[in-house]
Protein backbone atom coordinates (compact mmCIF):
# COMPACT_ATOMS: atom_id res chain seq x y z
CA UNK A 1 0.00 0.00 0.00
CA UNK A 2 1.37 3.43 -0.98
CA UNK A 3 1.89 6.20 1.55
CA UNK A 4 -0.76 8.92 0.90
CA UNK A 5 1.59 11.70 2.11
CA UNK A 6 3.79 13.38 -0.44
CA UNK A 7 7.45 13.73 0.42
CA UNK A 8 9.26 16.82 -0.88
CA UNK A 9 12.40 16.16 -2.92
CA UNK A 10 15.63 16.97 -1.16
CA UNK A 11 17.66 19.60 -2.96
CA UNK A 12 21.15 20.76 -2.09
CA UNK A 13 21.40 24.32 -0.83
CA UNK A 14 23.08 26.71 -3.25
CA UNK A 15 26.72 27.24 -2.44
CA UNK A 16 27.28 30.61 -0.79
CA UNK A 17 29.85 32.76 -2.60
CA UNK A 18 33.13 33.12 -0.75
CA UNK A 19 33.39 36.33 1.19
CA UNK A 20 35.94 38.58 -0.43
CA UNK A 21 38.87 39.53 1.75
CA UNK A 22 40.48 42.95 2.08
CA UNK A 23 43.37 41.99 -0.24
CA UNK A 24 43.16 42.29 -4.02
CA UNK A 25 43.06 39.07 -6.05
CA UNK A 26 46.14 37.71 -7.80
CA UNK A 27 46.30 39.19 -11.34
CA UNK A 28 47.74 35.93 -12.72
CA UNK A 29 45.37 33.25 -11.38
CA UNK A 30 42.57 35.34 -9.82
CA UNK A 31 42.72 33.58 -6.43
CA UNK A 32 42.25 35.47 -3.17
CA UNK A 33 45.61 35.70 -1.37
CA UNK A 34 46.22 35.14 2.32
CA UNK A 35 49.14 37.53 2.27
CA UNK A 36 50.81 39.97 -0.12
CA UNK A 37 54.42 41.02 0.23
CA UNK A 38 56.46 43.45 -1.84
CA UNK A 39 59.91 44.92 -2.16
CA UNK A 40 61.36 47.78 -4.15
CA UNK A 41 64.93 48.72 -4.91
CA UNK A 42 65.70 52.36 -5.80
CA UNK A 43 65.01 53.02 -9.48
CA UNK A 44 63.39 49.61 -10.07
CA UNK A 45 59.71 48.54 -10.29
CA UNK A 46 57.89 47.22 -7.24
CA UNK A 47 57.86 43.40 -7.03
CA UNK A 48 54.58 42.14 -5.52
CA UNK A 49 54.34 38.47 -4.40
CA UNK A 50 50.99 36.78 -3.70
CA UNK A 51 50.85 33.95 -1.12
CA UNK A 52 49.99 31.03 -1.19
CA UNK A 53 49.92 30.88 -5.02
CA UNK A 54 53.42 32.39 -5.25
CA UNK A 55 52.75 34.42 -8.41
CA UNK A 56 54.83 37.56 -8.84
CA UNK A 57 53.72 40.83 -10.39
CA UNK A 58 55.75 43.97 -11.10
CA UNK A 59 54.32 47.45 -10.92
CA UNK A 60 55.73 50.96 -11.38
CA UNK A 61 53.55 52.27 -8.54
CA UNK A 62 53.91 51.29 -4.90
CA UNK A 63 50.90 49.49 -3.35
CA UNK A 64 48.33 51.64 -1.59
CA UNK A 65 47.53 50.45 1.92
CA UNK A 66 44.25 51.12 3.69
CA UNK A 67 43.41 49.94 7.18
CA UNK A 68 39.73 49.25 7.71
CA UNK A 69 37.73 47.81 10.57
CA UNK A 70 36.46 44.24 10.15
CA UNK A 71 32.87 44.00 8.92
CA UNK A 72 30.22 43.92 11.64
CA UNK A 73 28.21 40.68 11.97
CA UNK A 74 24.76 40.75 10.40
CA UNK A 75 22.12 42.15 12.71
CA UNK A 76 24.53 44.33 14.68
CA UNK A 77 23.18 47.88 15.21
CA UNK A 78 25.28 50.63 13.66
CA UNK A 79 26.38 53.48 15.92
CA UNK A 80 25.36 57.00 14.79
């Protein structure tokens, strides 16, 4: 005898997109780095190294650093 109750089909939840970090993505592979380091010798371009992928990128301009507060958790009231 068949069960008269219908059973909904189970569907996987959509994968949430990864939260973007404060660091720019690697220009070679597009992955989000854990750390970026750079060095510059006088009169030479800046050498930027992305970790953990290890790709290197040269640039004429020095990197611009900005310090920002971590994002507040959802539902946290914002101070005026």
